[in-house]
Amino acid sequence: MAVTNWLLILGAVLLGTLAQLLLKAGTSAVGTFAFTSANVFPVGWQLATQPFILGGITAYGLSLIVWIMALSRVDVSIAYPMVSIGYVLTAIAAWQFLGESISTMKIAGIGVIILGVVIVARS
């Protein structure tokens, strides 16, 4: 696969990972809320105007554009499994930047994902 194609896939995955982290930071800033009809609009407004959430939505939008560019060049049967790299990056970034824990089982799962991506990439 050409370097440009790899960069497009990786760019889309990195933007998706960034989006997840920003959305989590935004929801953490808003805090826990009850799902009731009385707070749909007040909480919805808080979420819709939270800067981290807006950043996450923007990152997702950019990720979509880059992903479409990648799909125009790479077979979906090769490109889509590469999205799994996002799971690995998100888990590591959440551990590093959000203080989330990574257990032995998560590390094992990450290893399986990496192995799967390597196998698909070599096919």
PDB file of N, CA and C in Angstrom:
ATOM      1  N   MET A   1       0.855  -1.172   0.000  1.00  0.00           N
ATOM      2  CA  MET A   1       0.000   0.000   0.000  1.00  0.00           C
ATOM      3  C   MET A   1       0.905   1.240   0.000  1.00  0.00           C
ATOM      4  N   ALA A   2       0.516   2.248  -0.761  1.00  0.00           N
ATOM      5  CA  ALA A   2       1.302   3.474  -0.873  1.00  0.00           C
ATOM      6  C   ALA A   2       1.311   4.237   0.456  1.00  0.00           C
ATOM      7  N   VAL A   3       2.369   4.990   0.667  1.00  0.00           N
ATOM      8  CA  VAL A   3       2.529   5.767   1.900  1.00  0.00           C
ATOM      9  C   VAL A   3       1.373   6.752   2.078  1.00  0.00           C
ATOM     10  N   THR A   4       0.951   7.389   1.006  1.00  0.00           N
ATOM     11  CA  THR A   4      -0.172   8.332   1.085  1.00  0.00           C
ATOM     12  C   THR A   4      -1.423   7.650   1.624  1.00  0.00           C
ATOM     13  N   ASN A   5      -1.680   6.437   1.177  1.00  0.00           N
ATOM     14  CA  ASN A   5      -2.855   5.705   1.647  1.00  0.00           C
ATOM     15  C   ASN A   5      -2.756   5.406   3.135  1.00  0.00           C
ATOM     16  N   TRP A   6      -1.578   4.980   3.571  1.00  0.00           N
ATOM     17  CA  TRP A   6      -1.371   4.731   4.999  1.00  0.00           C
ATOM     18  C   TRP A   6      -1.569   6.009   5.800  1.00  0.00           C
ATOM     19  N   LEU A   7      -1.056   7.116   5.293  1.00  0.00           N
ATOM     20  CA  LEU A   7      -1.188   8.389   6.006  1.00  0.00           C
ATOM     21  C   LEU A   7      -2.652   8.833   6.095  1.00  0.00           C
ATOM     22  N   LEU A   8      -3.412   8.605   5.036  1.00  0.00           N
ATOM     23  CA  LEU A   8      -4.835   8.945   5.089  1.00  0.00           C
ATOM     24  C   LEU A   8      -5.567   8.094   6.126  1.00  0.00           C
ATOM     25  N   ILE A   9      -5.309   6.806   6.123  1.00  0.00           N
ATOM     26  CA  ILE A   9      -5.955   5.922   7.104  1.00  0.00           C
ATOM     27  C   ILE A   9      -5.541   6.314   8.516  1.00  0.00           C
ATOM     28  N   LEU A  10      -4.247   6.503   8.722  1.00  0.00           N
ATOM     29  CA  LEU A  10      -3.759   6.872  10.049  1.00  0.00           C
ATOM     30  C   LEU A  10      -4.314   8.231  10.470  1.00  0.00           C
ATOM     31  N   GLY A  11      -4.386   9.175   9.548  1.00  0.00           N
ATOM     32  CA  GLY A  11      -4.953  10.487   9.875  1.00  0.00           C
ATOM     33  C   GLY A  11      -6.393  10.384  10.320  1.00  0.00           C
ATOM     34  N   ALA A  12      -7.184   9.588   9.599  1.00  0.00           N
ATOM     35  CA  ALA A  12      -8.590   9.401   9.979  1.00  0.00           C
ATOM     36  C   ALA A  12      -8.695   8.749  11.350  1.00  0.00           C
ATOM     37  N   VAL A  13      -7.857   7.763  11.606  1.00  0.00           N
ATOM     38  CA  VAL A  13      -7.878   7.068  12.895  1.00  0.00           C
ATOM     39  C   VAL A  13      -7.453   8.008  14.022  1.00  0.00           C
ATOM     40  N   LEU A  14      -6.410   8.787  13.793  1.00  0.00           N
ATOM     41  CA  LEU A  14      -5.949   9.727  14.823  1.00  0.00           C
ATOM     42  C   LEU A  14      -7.004  10.790  15.117  1.00  0.00           C
ATOM     43  N   LEU A  15      -7.670  11.283  14.101  1.00  0.00           N
ATOM     44  CA  LEU A  15      -8.736  12.259  14.317  1.00  0.00           C
ATOM     45  C   LEU A  15      -9.908  11.629  15.077  1.00  0.00           C
ATOM     46  N   GLY A  16     -10.211  10.369  14.779  1.00  0.00           N
ATOM     47  CA  GLY A  16     -11.264   9.664  15.515  1.00  0.00           C
ATOM     48  C   GLY A  16     -10.903   9.478  16.981  1.00  0.00           C
ATOM     49  N   THR A  17      -9.642   9.163  17.228  1.00  0.00           N
ATOM     50  CA  THR A  17      -9.168   9.025  18.611  1.00  0.00           C
ATOM     51  C   THR A  17      -9.256  10.359  19.345  1.00  0.00           C
ATOM     52  N   LEU A  18      -8.805  11.418  18.685  1.00  0.00           N
ATOM     53  CA  LEU A  18      -8.905  12.759  19.271  1.00  0.00           C
ATOM     54  C   LEU A  18     -10.361  13.097  19.580  1.00  0.00           C
ATOM     55  N   ALA A  19     -11.258  12.763  18.663  1.00  0.00           N
ATOM     56  CA  ALA A  19     -12.677  13.035  18.870  1.00  0.00           C
ATOM     57  C   ALA A  19     -13.186  12.328  20.125  1.00  0.00           C
ATOM     58  N   GLN A  20     -12.832  11.065  20.296  1.00  0.00           N
ATOM     59  CA  GLN A  20     -13.274  10.312  21.478  1.00  0.00           C
ATOM     60  C   GLN A  20     -12.786  10.971  22.767  1.00  0.00           C
ATOM     61  N   LEU A  21     -11.519  11.376  22.780  1.00  0.00           N
ATOM     62  CA  LEU A  21     -10.953  11.998  23.982  1.00  0.00           C
ATOM     63  C   LEU A  21     -11.625  13.338  24.278  1.00  0.00           C
ATOM     64  N   LEU A  22     -11.875  14.121  23.240  1.00  0.00           N
ATOM     65  CA  LEU A  22     -12.544  15.407  23.444  1.00  0.00           C
ATOM     66  C   LEU A  22     -13.981  15.226  23.914  1.00  0.00           C
ATOM     67  N   LEU A  23     -14.693  14.254  23.352  1.00  0.00           N
ATOM     68  CA  LEU A  23     -16.065  13.999  23.791  1.00  0.00           C
ATOM     69  C   LEU A  23     -16.096  13.555  25.251  1.00  0.00           C
ATOM     70  N   LYS A  24     -15.155  12.713  25.640  1.00  0.00           N
ATOM     71  CA  LYS A  24     -15.087  12.267  27.039  1.00  0.00           C
ATOM     72  C   LYS A  24     -14.777  13.443  27.961  1.00  0.00           C
ATOM     73  N   ALA A  25     -13.835  14.286  27.551  1.00  0.00           N
ATOM     74  CA  ALA A  25     -13.506  15.461  28.365  1.00  0.00           C
ATOM     75  C   ALA A  25     -14.719  16.382  28.481  1.00  0.00           C
ATOM     76  N   GLY A  26     -15.459  16.523  27.398  1.00  0.00           N
ATOM     77  CA  GLY A  26     -16.651  17.369  27.421  1.00  0.00           C
ATOM     78  C   GLY A  26     -17.738  16.837  28.319  1.00  0.00           C
ATOM     79  N   THR A  27     -17.980  15.527  28.245  1.00  0.00           N
ATOM     80  CA  THR A  27     -19.009  14.958  29.109  1.00  0.00           C
ATOM     81  C   THR A  27     -18.570  14.980  30.567  1.00  0.00           C
ATOM     82  N   SER A  28     -17.286  14.835  30.813  1.00  0.00           N
ATOM     83  CA  SER A  28     -16.782  14.935  32.188  1.00  0.00           C
ATOM     84  C   SER A  28     -16.954  16.346  32.720  1.00  0.00           C
ATOM     85  N   ALA A  29     -16.759  17.343  31.863  1.00  0.00           N
ATOM     86  CA  ALA A  29     -16.927  18.737  32.277  1.00  0.00           C
ATOM     87  C   ALA A  29     -18.387  19.044  32.597  1.00  0.00           C
ATOM     88  N   VAL A  30     -19.299  18.471  31.838  1.00  0.00           N
ATOM     89  CA  VAL A  30     -20.729  18.683  32.097  1.00  0.00           C
ATOM     90  C   VAL A  30     -21.153  17.933  33.350  1.00  0.00           C
ATOM     91  N   GLY A  31     -20.616  16.745  33.539  1.00  0.00           N
ATOM     92  CA  GLY A  31     -20.948  15.950  34.715  1.00  0.00           C
ATOM     93  C   GLY A  31     -22.076  14.966  34.454  1.00  0.00           C
ATOM     94  N   THR A  32     -22.320  14.128  35.425  1.00  0.00           N
ATOM     95  CA  THR A  32     -23.372  13.124  35.325  1.00  0.00           C
ATOM     96  C   THR A  32     -24.730  13.800  35.407  1.00  0.00           C
ATOM     97  N   PHE A  33     -25.660  13.323  34.615  1.00  0.00           N
ATOM     98  CA  PHE A  33     -27.000  13.901  34.610  1.00  0.00           C
ATOM     99  C   PHE A  33     -28.014  12.789  34.425  1.00  0.00           C
ATOM    100  N   ALA A  34     -29.212  13.053  34.916  1.00  0.00           N
ATOM    101  CA  ALA A  34     -30.299  12.082  34.804  1.00  0.00           C
ATOM    102  C   ALA A  34     -30.967  12.233  33.442  1.00  0.00           C
ATOM    103  N   PHE A  35     -31.413  11.127  32.908  1.00  0.00           N
ATOM    104  CA  PHE A  35     -32.155  11.135  31.649  1.00  0.00           C
ATOM    105  C   PHE A  35     -33.640  11.312  31.954  1.00  0.00           C
ATOM    106  N   THR A  36     -34.068  12.551  32.009  1.00  0.00           N
ATOM    107  CA  THR A  36     -35.482  12.835  32.249  1.00  0.00           C
ATOM    108  C   THR A  36     -35.974  13.820  31.187  1.00  0.00           C
ATOM    109  N   SER A  37     -37.273  13.821  30.975  1.00  0.00           N
ATOM    110  CA  SER A  37     -37.843  14.743  29.988  1.00  0.00           C
ATOM    111  C   SER A  37     -37.667  16.194  30.430  1.00  0.00           C
ATOM    112  N   ALA A  38     -37.579  16.426  31.723  1.00  0.00           N
ATOM    113  CA  ALA A  38     -37.444  17.789  32.231  1.00  0.00           C
ATOM    114  C   ALA A  38     -36.075  18.398  31.918  1.00  0.00           C
ATOM    115  N   ASN A  39     -35.051  17.567  31.774  1.00  0.00           N
ATOM    116  CA  ASN A  39     -33.730  18.146  31.545  1.00  0.00           C
ATOM    117  C   ASN A  39     -33.176  17.900  30.137  1.00  0.00           C
ATOM    118  N   VAL A  40     -34.015  17.426  29.226  1.00  0.00           N
ATOM    119  CA  VAL A  40     -33.553  17.173  27.857  1.00  0.00           C
ATOM    120  C   VAL A  40     -32.955  18.435  27.245  1.00  0.00           C
ATOM    121  N   PHE A  41     -33.671  19.533  27.308  1.00  0.00           N
ATOM    122  CA  PHE A  41     -33.193  20.761  26.670  1.00  0.00           C
ATOM    123  C   PHE A  41     -32.069  21.438  27.457  1.00  0.00           C
ATOM    124  N   PRO A  42     -32.171  21.570  28.796  1.00  0.00           N
ATOM    125  CA  PRO A  42     -31.058  22.206  29.521  1.00  0.00           C
ATOM    126  C   PRO A  42     -29.743  21.423  29.394  1.00  0.00           C
ATOM    127  N   VAL A  43     -29.803  20.125  29.562  1.00  0.00           N
ATOM    128  CA  VAL A  43     -28.585  19.311  29.447  1.00  0.00           C
ATOM    129  C   VAL A  43     -28.140  19.253  27.987  1.00  0.00           C
ATOM    130  N   GLY A  44     -29.097  19.125  27.080  1.00  0.00           N
ATOM    131  CA  GLY A  44     -28.761  19.132  25.659  1.00  0.00           C
ATOM    132  C   GLY A  44     -28.024  20.401  25.263  1.00  0.00           C
ATOM    133  N   TRP A  45     -28.485  21.535  25.795  1.00  0.00           N
ATOM    134  CA  TRP A  45     -27.826  22.807  25.496  1.00  0.00           C
ATOM    135  C   TRP A  45     -26.417  22.835  26.089  1.00  0.00           C
ATOM    136  N   GLN A  46     -26.266  22.352  27.319  1.00  0.00           N
ATOM    137  CA  GLN A  46     -24.942  22.290  27.937  1.00  0.00           C
ATOM    138  C   GLN A  46     -23.987  21.466  27.078  1.00  0.00           C
ATOM    139  N   LEU A  47     -24.470  20.317  26.640  1.00  0.00           N
ATOM    140  CA  LEU A  47     -23.634  19.444  25.824  1.00  0.00           C
ATOM    141  C   LEU A  47     -23.328  20.075  24.466  1.00  0.00           C
ATOM    142  N   ALA A  48     -24.333  20.699  23.862  1.00  0.00           N
ATOM    143  CA  ALA A  48     -24.169  21.275  22.521  1.00  0.00           C
ATOM    144  C   ALA A  48     -23.231  22.477  22.514  1.00  0.00           C
ATOM    145  N   THR A  49     -23.081  23.134  23.653  1.00  0.00           N
ATOM    146  CA  THR A  49     -22.227  24.324  23.703  1.00  0.00           C
ATOM    147  C   THR A  49     -20.921  24.095  24.458  1.00  0.00           C
ATOM    148  N   GLN A  50     -20.669  22.879  24.895  1.00  0.00           N
ATOM    149  CA  GLN A  50     -19.443  22.572  25.622  1.00  0.00           C
ATOM    150  C   GLN A  50     -18.270  22.555  24.632  1.00  0.00           C
ATOM    151  N   PRO A  51     -17.215  23.348  24.871  1.00  0.00           N
ATOM    152  CA  PRO A  51     -16.113  23.462  23.910  1.00  0.00           C
ATOM    153  C   PRO A  51     -15.438  22.131  23.550  1.00  0.00           C
ATOM    154  N   PHE A  52     -15.218  21.263  24.522  1.00  0.00           N
ATOM    155  CA  PHE A  52     -14.588  19.979  24.211  1.00  0.00           C
ATOM    156  C   PHE A  52     -15.482  19.136  23.293  1.00  0.00           C
ATOM    157  N   ILE A  53     -16.772  19.169  23.546  1.00  0.00           N
ATOM    158  CA  ILE A  53     -17.695  18.404  22.701  1.00  0.00           C
ATOM    159  C   ILE A  53     -17.724  18.989  21.296  1.00  0.00           C
ATOM    160  N   LEU A  54     -17.732  20.293  21.185  1.00  0.00           N
ATOM    161  CA  LEU A  54     -17.676  20.921  19.864  1.00  0.00           C
ATOM    162  C   LEU A  54     -16.379  20.530  19.139  1.00  0.00           C
ATOM    163  N   GLY A  55     -15.279  20.481  19.887  1.00  0.00           N
ATOM    164  CA  GLY A  55     -14.014  20.043  19.305  1.00  0.00           C
ATOM    165  C   GLY A  55     -14.079  18.592  18.855  1.00  0.00           C
ATOM    166  N   GLY A  56     -14.735  17.744  19.652  1.00  0.00           N
ATOM    167  CA  GLY A  56     -14.885  16.336  19.292  1.00  0.00           C
ATOM    168  C   GLY A  56     -15.723  16.162  18.036  1.00  0.00           C
ATOM    169  N   ILE A  57     -16.789  16.932  17.928  1.00  0.00           N
ATOM    170  CA  ILE A  57     -17.636  16.866  16.731  1.00  0.00           C
ATOM    171  C   ILE A  57     -16.841  17.323  15.508  1.00  0.00           C
ATOM    172  N   THR A  58     -16.059  18.366  15.672  1.00  0.00           N
ATOM    173  CA  THR A  58     -15.220  18.856  14.576  1.00  0.00           C
ATOM    174  C   THR A  58     -14.196  17.801  14.163  1.00  0.00           C
ATOM    175  N   ALA A  59     -13.560  17.182  15.148  1.00  0.00           N
ATOM    176  CA  ALA A  59     -12.575  16.138  14.844  1.00  0.00           C
ATOM    177  C   ALA A  59     -13.229  14.974  14.110  1.00  0.00           C
ATOM    178  N   TYR A  60     -14.446  14.598  14.511  1.00  0.00           N
ATOM    179  CA  TYR A  60     -15.165  13.536  13.800  1.00  0.00           C
ATOM    180  C   TYR A  60     -15.464  13.929  12.362  1.00  0.00           C
ATOM    181  N   GLY A  61     -15.874  15.179  12.168  1.00  0.00           N
ATOM    182  CA  GLY A  61     -16.156  15.650  10.816  1.00  0.00           C
ATOM    183  C   GLY A  61     -14.917  15.601   9.935  1.00  0.00           C
ATOM    184  N   LEU A  62     -13.796  16.056  10.469  1.00  0.00           N
ATOM    185  CA  LEU A  62     -12.538  15.994   9.711  1.00  0.00           C
ATOM    186  C   LEU A  62     -12.127  14.549   9.460  1.00  0.00           C
ATOM    187  N   SER A  63     -12.328  13.708  10.463  1.00  0.00           N
ATOM    188  CA  SER A  63     -12.017  12.286  10.311  1.00  0.00           C
ATOM    189  C   SER A  63     -12.822  11.676   9.174  1.00  0.00           C
ATOM    190  N   LEU A  64     -14.089  12.042   9.090  1.00  0.00           N
ATOM    191  CA  LEU A  64     -14.948  11.529   8.020  1.00  0.00           C
ATOM    192  C   LEU A  64     -14.418  11.937   6.644  1.00  0.00           C
ATOM    193  N   ILE A  65     -14.012  13.189   6.509  1.00  0.00           N
ATOM    194  CA  ILE A  65     -13.485  13.664   5.227  1.00  0.00           C
ATOM    195  C   ILE A  65     -12.218  12.905   4.849  1.00  0.00           C
ATOM    196  N   VAL A  66     -11.304  12.757   5.800  1.00  0.00           N
ATOM    197  CA  VAL A  66     -10.055  12.042   5.528  1.00  0.00           C
ATOM    198  C   VAL A  66     -10.350  10.571   5.242  1.00  0.00           C
ATOM    199  N   TRP A  67     -11.308   9.985   5.961  1.00  0.00           N
ATOM    200  CA  TRP A  67     -11.675   8.584   5.748  1.00  0.00           C
ATOM    201  C   TRP A  67     -12.225   8.372   4.334  1.00  0.00           C
ATOM    202  N   ILE A  68     -13.062   9.281   3.881  1.00  0.00           N
ATOM    203  CA  ILE A  68     -13.603   9.187   2.527  1.00  0.00           C
ATOM    204  C   ILE A  68     -12.471   9.242   1.501  1.00  0.00           C
ATOM    205  N   MET A  69     -11.502  10.104   1.753  1.00  0.00           N
ATOM    206  CA  MET A  69     -10.341  10.171   0.864  1.00  0.00           C
ATOM    207  C   MET A  69      -9.585   8.841   0.854  1.00  0.00           C
ATOM    208  N   ALA A  70      -9.445   8.236   2.040  1.00  0.00           N
ATOM    209  CA  ALA A  70      -8.758   6.944   2.126  1.00  0.00           C
ATOM    210  C   ALA A  70      -9.530   5.867   1.377  1.00  0.00           C
ATOM    211  N   LEU A  71     -10.841   5.837   1.563  1.00  0.00           N
ATOM    212  CA  LEU A  71     -11.656   4.814   0.902  1.00  0.00           C
ATOM    213  C   LEU A  71     -11.662   4.961  -0.617  1.00  0.00           C
ATOM    214  N   SER A  72     -11.399   6.159  -1.101  1.00  0.00           N
ATOM    215  CA  SER A  72     -11.340   6.351  -2.549  1.00  0.00           C
ATOM    216  C   SER A  72     -10.084   5.724  -3.149  1.00  0.00           C
ATOM    217  N   ARG A  73      -9.140   5.346  -2.288  1.00  0.00           N
ATOM    218  CA  ARG A  73      -7.858   4.821  -2.764  1.00  0.00           C
ATOM    219  C   ARG A  73      -7.565   3.390  -2.328  1.00  0.00           C
ATOM    220  N   VAL A  74      -8.257   2.923  -1.283  1.00  0.00           N
ATOM    221  CA  VAL A  74      -7.922   1.635  -0.674  1.00  0.00           C
ATOM    222  C   VAL A  74      -9.182   0.770  -0.608  1.00  0.00           C
ATOM    223  N   ASP A  75      -9.043  -0.514  -0.841  1.00  0.00           N
ATOM    224  CA  ASP A  75     -10.166  -1.438  -0.687  1.00  0.00           C
ATOM    225  C   ASP A  75     -10.688  -1.370   0.747  1.00  0.00           C
ATOM    226  N   VAL A  76     -11.999  -1.363   0.878  1.00  0.00           N
ATOM    227  CA  VAL A  76     -12.592  -1.288   2.211  1.00  0.00           C
ATOM    228  C   VAL A  76     -12.221  -2.514   3.049  1.00  0.00           C
ATOM    229  N   SER A  77     -11.986  -3.650   2.400  1.00  0.00           N
ATOM    230  CA  SER A  77     -11.608  -4.862   3.135  1.00  0.00           C
ATOM    231  C   SER A  77     -10.221  -4.740   3.772  1.00  0.00           C
ATOM    232  N   ILE A  78      -9.425  -3.805   3.286  1.00  0.00           N
ATOM    233  CA  ILE A  78      -8.120  -3.519   3.896  1.00  0.00           C
ATOM    234  C   ILE A  78      -8.234  -2.324   4.838  1.00  0.00           C
ATOM    235  N   ALA A  79      -8.904  -1.273   4.397  1.00  0.00           N
ATOM    236  CA  ALA A  79      -8.961  -0.031   5.171  1.00  0.00           C
ATOM    237  C   ALA A  79      -9.729  -0.183   6.480  1.00  0.00           C
ATOM    238  N   TYR A  80     -10.896  -0.816   6.419  1.00  0.00           N
ATOM    239  CA  TYR A  80     -11.744  -0.839   7.614  1.00  0.00           C
ATOM    240  C   TYR A  80     -11.109  -1.557   8.806  1.00  0.00           C
ATOM    241  N   PRO A  81     -10.450  -2.687   8.613  1.00  0.00           N
ATOM    242  CA  PRO A  81      -9.800  -3.294   9.776  1.00  0.00           C
ATOM    243  C   PRO A  81      -8.750  -2.392  10.434  1.00  0.00           C
ATOM    244  N   MET A  82      -8.206  -1.461   9.676  1.00  0.00           N
ATOM    245  CA  MET A  82      -7.218  -0.542  10.235  1.00  0.00           C
ATOM    246  C   MET A  82      -7.840   0.413  11.253  1.00  0.00           C
ATOM    247  N   VAL A  83      -9.158   0.562  11.207  1.00  0.00           N
ATOM    248  CA  VAL A  83      -9.853   1.390  12.188  1.00  0.00           C
ATOM    249  C   VAL A  83      -9.604   0.841  13.597  1.00  0.00           C
ATOM    250  N   SER A  84      -9.321  -0.444  13.697  1.00  0.00           N
ATOM    251  CA  SER A  84      -9.049  -1.064  14.997  1.00  0.00           C
ATOM    252  C   SER A  84      -7.857  -0.433  15.701  1.00  0.00           C
ATOM    253  N   ILE A  85      -6.958   0.165  14.933  1.00  0.00           N
ATOM    254  CA  ILE A  85      -5.834   0.873  15.540  1.00  0.00           C
ATOM    255  C   ILE A  85      -6.359   1.965  16.468  1.00  0.00           C
ATOM    256  N   GLY A  86      -7.513   2.524  16.124  1.00  0.00           N
ATOM    257  CA  GLY A  86      -8.123   3.552  16.960  1.00  0.00           C
ATOM    258  C   GLY A  86      -8.455   3.053  18.353  1.00  0.00           C
ATOM    259  N   TYR A  87      -8.873   1.797  18.480  1.00  0.00           N
ATOM    260  CA  TYR A  87      -9.155   1.230  19.800  1.00  0.00           C
ATOM    261  C   TYR A  87      -7.897   1.216  20.654  1.00  0.00           C
ATOM    262  N   VAL A  88      -6.804   0.834  20.032  1.00  0.00           N
ATOM    263  CA  VAL A  88      -5.519   0.775  20.739  1.00  0.00           C
ATOM    264  C   VAL A  88      -5.094   2.178  21.165  1.00  0.00           C
ATOM    265  N   LEU A  89      -5.101   3.107  20.223  1.00  0.00           N
ATOM    266  CA  LEU A  89      -4.674   4.476  20.516  1.00  0.00           C
ATOM    267  C   LEU A  89      -5.569   5.136  21.555  1.00  0.00           C
ATOM    268  N   THR A  90      -6.866   4.899  21.462  1.00  0.00           N
ATOM    269  CA  THR A  90      -7.805   5.505  22.409  1.00  0.00           C
ATOM    270  C   THR A  90      -7.579   4.957  23.817  1.00  0.00           C
ATOM    271  N   ALA A  91      -7.366   3.663  23.937  1.00  0.00           N
ATOM    272  CA  ALA A  91      -7.118   3.072  25.265  1.00  0.00           C
ATOM    273  C   ALA A  91      -5.837   3.637  25.880  1.00  0.00           C
ATOM    274  N   ILE A  92      -4.796   3.737  25.075  1.00  0.00           N
ATOM    275  CA  ILE A  92      -3.525   4.254  25.582  1.00  0.00           C
ATOM    276  C   ILE A  92      -3.645   5.734  25.940  1.00  0.00           C
ATOM    277  N   ALA A  93      -4.285   6.514  25.072  1.00  0.00           N
ATOM    278  CA  ALA A  93      -4.449   7.946  25.334  1.00  0.00           C
ATOM    279  C   ALA A  93      -5.352   8.190  26.547  1.00  0.00           C
ATOM    280  N   ALA A  94      -6.400   7.394  26.702  1.00  0.00           N
ATOM    281  CA  ALA A  94      -7.290   7.546  27.859  1.00  0.00           C
ATOM    282  C   ALA A  94      -6.536   7.237  29.148  1.00  0.00           C
ATOM    283  N   TRP A  95      -5.674   6.250  29.093  1.00  0.00           N
ATOM    284  CA  TRP A  95      -4.832   5.925  30.254  1.00  0.00           C
ATOM    285  C   TRP A  95      -3.880   7.082  30.546  1.00  0.00           C
ATOM    286  N   GLN A  96      -3.232   7.584  29.506  1.00  0.00           N
ATOM    287  CA  GLN A  96      -2.218   8.620  29.666  1.00  0.00           C
ATOM    288  C   GLN A  96      -2.813   9.974  30.056  1.00  0.00           C
ATOM    289  N   PHE A  97      -3.875  10.387  29.379  1.00  0.00           N
ATOM    290  CA  PHE A  97      -4.384  11.747  29.542  1.00  0.00           C
ATOM    291  C   PHE A  97      -5.614  11.865  30.434  1.00  0.00           C
ATOM    292  N   LEU A  98      -6.397  10.791  30.560  1.00  0.00           N
ATOM    293  CA  LEU A  98      -7.622  10.860  31.353  1.00  0.00           C
ATOM    294  C   LEU A  98      -7.534  10.053  32.645  1.00  0.00           C
ATOM    295  N   GLY A  99      -6.407   9.375  32.843  1.00  0.00           N
ATOM    296  CA  GLY A  99      -6.214   8.611  34.074  1.00  0.00           C
ATOM    297  C   GLY A  99      -7.012   7.325  34.149  1.00  0.00           C
ATOM    298  N   GLU A 100      -7.479   6.823  33.004  1.00  0.00           N
ATOM    299  CA  GLU A 100      -8.218   5.563  33.003  1.00  0.00           C
ATOM    300  C   GLU A 100      -7.251   4.405  33.194  1.00  0.00           C
ATOM    301  N   SER A 101      -7.742   3.327  33.764  1.00  0.00           N
ATOM    302  CA  SER A 101      -6.877   2.182  34.046  1.00  0.00           C
ATOM    303  C   SER A 101      -6.773   1.258  32.836  1.00  0.00           C
ATOM    304  N   ILE A 102      -5.640   0.582  32.762  1.00  0.00           N
ATOM    305  CA  ILE A 102      -5.452  -0.449  31.738  1.00  0.00           C
ATOM    306  C   ILE A 102      -5.096  -1.732  32.482  1.00  0.00           C
ATOM    307  N   SER A 103      -6.005  -2.683  32.455  1.00  0.00           N
ATOM    308  CA  SER A 103      -5.800  -3.951  33.146  1.00  0.00           C
ATOM    309  C   SER A 103      -5.019  -4.911  32.255  1.00  0.00           C
ATOM    310  N   THR A 104      -4.651  -6.026  32.824  1.00  0.00           N
ATOM    311  CA  THR A 104      -3.964  -7.073  32.069  1.00  0.00           C
ATOM    312  C   THR A 104      -4.839  -7.576  30.928  1.00  0.00           C
ATOM    313  N   MET A 105      -6.133  -7.705  31.167  1.00  0.00           N
ATOM    314  CA  MET A 105      -7.046  -8.162  30.116  1.00  0.00           C
ATOM    315  C   MET A 105      -7.131  -7.146  28.980  1.00  0.00           C
ATOM    316  N   LYS A 106      -7.120  -5.862  29.313  1.00  0.00           N
ATOM    317  CA  LYS A 106      -7.132  -4.842  28.263  1.00  0.00           C
ATOM    318  C   LYS A 106      -5.847  -4.906  27.442  1.00  0.00           C
ATOM    319  N   ILE A 107      -4.732  -5.089  28.110  1.00  0.00           N
ATOM    320  CA  ILE A 107      -3.453  -5.201  27.401  1.00  0.00           C
ATOM    321  C   ILE A 107      -3.468  -6.415  26.484  1.00  0.00           C
ATOM    322  N   ALA A 108      -4.016  -7.520  26.951  1.00  0.00           N
ATOM    323  CA  ALA A 108      -4.114  -8.720  26.110  1.00  0.00           C
ATOM    324  C   ALA A 108      -5.003  -8.448  24.899  1.00  0.00           C
ATOM    325  N   GLY A 109      -6.117  -7.795  25.110  1.00  0.00           N
ATOM    326  CA  GLY A 109      -7.016  -7.449  24.010  1.00  0.00           C
ATOM    327  C   GLY A 109      -6.348  -6.522  23.011  1.00  0.00           C
ATOM    328  N   ILE A 110      -5.601  -5.549  23.503  1.00  0.00           N
ATOM    329  CA  ILE A 110      -4.866  -4.640  22.626  1.00  0.00           C
ATOM    330  C   ILE A 110      -3.852  -5.415  21.794  1.00  0.00           C
ATOM    331  N   GLY A 111      -3.198  -6.392  22.420  1.00  0.00           N
ATOM    332  CA  GLY A 111      -2.248  -7.234  21.688  1.00  0.00           C
ATOM    333  C   GLY A 111      -2.918  -8.011  20.564  1.00  0.00           C
ATOM    334  N   VAL A 112      -4.094  -8.536  20.832  1.00  0.00           N
ATOM    335  CA  VAL A 112      -4.838  -9.279  19.804  1.00  0.00           C
ATOM    336  C   VAL A 112      -5.223  -8.349  18.657  1.00  0.00           C
ATOM    337  N   ILE A 113      -5.662  -7.140  18.984  1.00  0.00           N
ATOM    338  CA  ILE A 113      -6.025  -6.170  17.952  1.00  0.00           C
ATOM    339  C   ILE A 113      -4.819  -5.843  17.084  1.00  0.00           C
ATOM    340  N   ILE A 114      -3.691  -5.585  17.711  1.00  0.00           N
ATOM    341  CA  ILE A 114      -2.470  -5.258  16.957  1.00  0.00           C
ATOM    342  C   ILE A 114      -2.087  -6.411  16.056  1.00  0.00           C
ATOM    343  N   LEU A 115      -2.159  -7.620  16.556  1.00  0.00           N
ATOM    344  CA  LEU A 115      -1.853  -8.808  15.744  1.00  0.00           C
ATOM    345  C   LEU A 115      -2.799  -8.894  14.548  1.00  0.00           C
ATOM    346  N   GLY A 116      -4.064  -8.666  14.771  1.00  0.00           N
ATOM    347  CA  GLY A 116      -5.043  -8.702  13.680  1.00  0.00           C
ATOM    348  C   GLY A 116      -4.763  -7.643  12.621  1.00  0.00           C
ATOM    349  N   VAL A 117      -4.411  -6.443  13.044  1.00  0.00           N
ATOM    350  CA  VAL A 117      -4.100  -5.383  12.096  1.00  0.00           C
ATOM    351  C   VAL A 117      -2.859  -5.753  11.277  1.00  0.00           C
ATOM    352  N   VAL A 118      -1.866  -6.311  11.929  1.00  0.00           N
ATOM    353  CA  VAL A 118      -0.649  -6.727  11.211  1.00  0.00           C
ATOM    354  C   VAL A 118      -0.985  -7.803  10.175  1.00  0.00           C
ATOM    355  N   ILE A 119      -1.789  -8.758  10.550  1.00  0.00           N
ATOM    356  CA  ILE A 119      -2.164  -9.826   9.607  1.00  0.00           C
ATOM    357  C   ILE A 119      -2.917  -9.260   8.414  1.00  0.00           C
ATOM    358  N   VAL A 120      -3.879  -8.370   8.663  1.00  0.00           N
ATOM    359  CA  VAL A 120      -4.630  -7.779   7.551  1.00  0.00           C
ATOM    360  C   VAL A 120      -3.717  -6.927   6.678  1.00  0.00           C
ATOM    361  N   ALA A 121      -2.831  -6.162   7.310  1.00  0.00           N
ATOM    362  CA  ALA A 121      -1.940  -5.289   6.544  1.00  0.00           C
ATOM    363  C   ALA A 121      -1.012  -6.071   5.634  1.00  0.00           C
ATOM    364  N   ARG A 122      -0.650  -7.273   6.025  1.00  0.00           N
ATOM    365  CA  ARG A 122       0.277  -8.088   5.214  1.00  0.00           C
ATOM    366  C   ARG A 122      -0.443  -8.868   4.132  1.00  0.00           C
ATOM    367  N   SER A 123      -1.770  -8.855   4.140  1.00  0.00           N
ATOM    368  CA  SER A 123      -2.504  -9.667   3.147  1.00  0.00           C
ATOM    369  C   SER A 123      -2.574  -8.985   1.800  1.00  0.00           C
TER     370      SER A 123
END
